[in-house]
Protein backbone atom coordinates (compact mmCIF):
# COMPACT_ATOMS: atom_id res chain seq x y z
CA MET A 1 -37.03 174.87 -78.68
CA ARG A 2 -34.89 177.39 -76.91
CA GLN A 3 -34.26 180.79 -78.40
CA ARG A 4 -30.56 179.98 -78.64
CA ASP A 5 -31.27 176.93 -80.80
CA GLN A 6 -32.37 178.92 -83.81
CA SER A 7 -30.56 178.22 -87.06
CA CYS A 8 -28.06 181.09 -87.06
CA ARG A 9 -26.86 180.19 -83.59
CA GLY A 10 -26.63 176.54 -84.60
CA GLN A 11 -24.50 177.43 -87.61
CA ARG A 12 -22.09 179.40 -85.42
CA LYS A 13 -21.79 176.42 -83.10
CA VAL A 14 -20.90 174.17 -86.03
CA LEU A 15 -18.49 176.67 -87.55
CA ALA A 16 -16.83 177.26 -84.21
CA LYS A 17 -15.82 173.60 -84.15
CA ASP A 18 -14.27 174.00 -87.63
CA ARG A 19 -16.73 171.47 -88.99
CA SER A 20 -18.68 171.68 -92.17
CA PRO A 21 -22.47 171.94 -91.66
CA ASP A 22 -22.72 169.09 -94.20
CA ARG A 23 -20.99 166.78 -91.71
CA VAL A 24 -22.98 167.65 -88.59
CA SER A 25 -26.30 166.10 -87.63
CA VAL A 26 -29.19 167.97 -86.06
CA TYR A 27 -28.84 165.74 -82.99
CA GLU A 28 -25.39 167.17 -82.31
CA VAL A 29 -26.65 170.75 -82.01
CA MET A 30 -30.17 170.30 -80.66
CA THR A 31 -31.25 170.87 -77.08
CA LYS A 32 -31.62 167.65 -75.15
CA PRO A 33 -33.96 166.39 -73.89
CA SER A 34 -36.50 167.45 -76.46
CA ILE A 35 -39.65 168.77 -74.82
CA THR A 36 -43.03 168.34 -76.52
CA VAL A 37 -46.54 169.28 -75.50
CA HIS A 38 -49.88 167.65 -76.28
CA PRO A 39 -52.87 169.50 -77.76
CA ASN A 40 -55.03 168.79 -74.70
CA MET A 41 -52.37 169.82 -72.15
CA ASP A 42 -53.48 172.45 -69.66
CA ILE A 43 -51.98 175.78 -70.73
CA ARG A 44 -50.76 176.44 -67.17
CA HIS A 45 -48.81 173.19 -67.18
CA ALA A 46 -47.32 173.95 -70.62
CA SER A 47 -46.34 177.43 -69.45
CA ALA A 48 -44.65 175.94 -66.36
CA LEU A 49 -42.67 173.57 -68.62
CA PHE A 50 -41.59 176.50 -70.80
CA ASP A 51 -40.45 178.39 -67.72
CA HIS A 52 -38.65 175.43 -66.14
CA PHE A 53 -36.72 174.50 -69.29
CA GLY A 54 -36.23 178.04 -70.63
CA LEU A 55 -38.23 177.34 -73.80
CA SER A 56 -39.66 179.89 -76.19
CA ARG A 57 -41.56 177.32 -78.31
CA ALA A 58 -42.22 173.59 -78.46
CA PRO A 59 -43.63 171.07 -80.93
CA VAL A 60 -47.19 169.90 -80.34
CA VAL A 61 -47.51 166.14 -80.86
CA ASP A 62 -50.52 163.84 -81.19
CA ARG A 63 -51.00 160.45 -79.50
CA ASP A 64 -48.74 158.79 -82.07
CA GLY A 65 -45.93 161.27 -81.45
CA GLU A 66 -46.46 162.97 -84.80
CA ILE A 67 -45.81 166.71 -84.84
CA ILE A 68 -49.06 168.54 -85.56
CA GLY A 69 -47.90 172.08 -84.81
CA ILE A 70 -45.70 174.39 -82.80
CA VAL A 71 -46.78 176.55 -79.87
CA SER A 72 -44.84 179.50 -78.53
CA HIS A 73 -44.87 181.17 -75.16
CA THR A 74 -46.19 184.27 -76.95
CA ASP A 75 -49.07 182.20 -78.40
CA MET A 76 -50.07 181.15 -74.89
CA VAL A 77 -49.82 184.69 -73.50
CA MET A 78 -51.80 186.22 -76.37
CA LYS A 79 -54.51 183.56 -76.15
CA GLY A 80 -54.80 184.23 -72.41
CA LEU A 81 -55.03 187.98 -72.98
CA LEU A 82 -57.78 187.53 -75.59
CA LYS A 83 -59.81 185.50 -73.11
CA LEU A 84 -59.54 188.36 -70.58
CA GLN A 85 -61.23 190.79 -72.98
């Protein structure tokens, strides 16, 4: 999820097209492709994905593709800093 995809920004995008939010699907305003991470993914690889795609957070999915959480770049940085102490 990119910072610019947050709900307020999404609403402005919809309103700018003079379309009612009731008539717009999430697919129309979401970032594509959607990027997910797995719980066992190396944190360095996840961080590289975030950097490459300009992400601030991403859904964490299990083997079945079910969302089991969300991880943010800040989460990864803070966890790394705690391990340094």
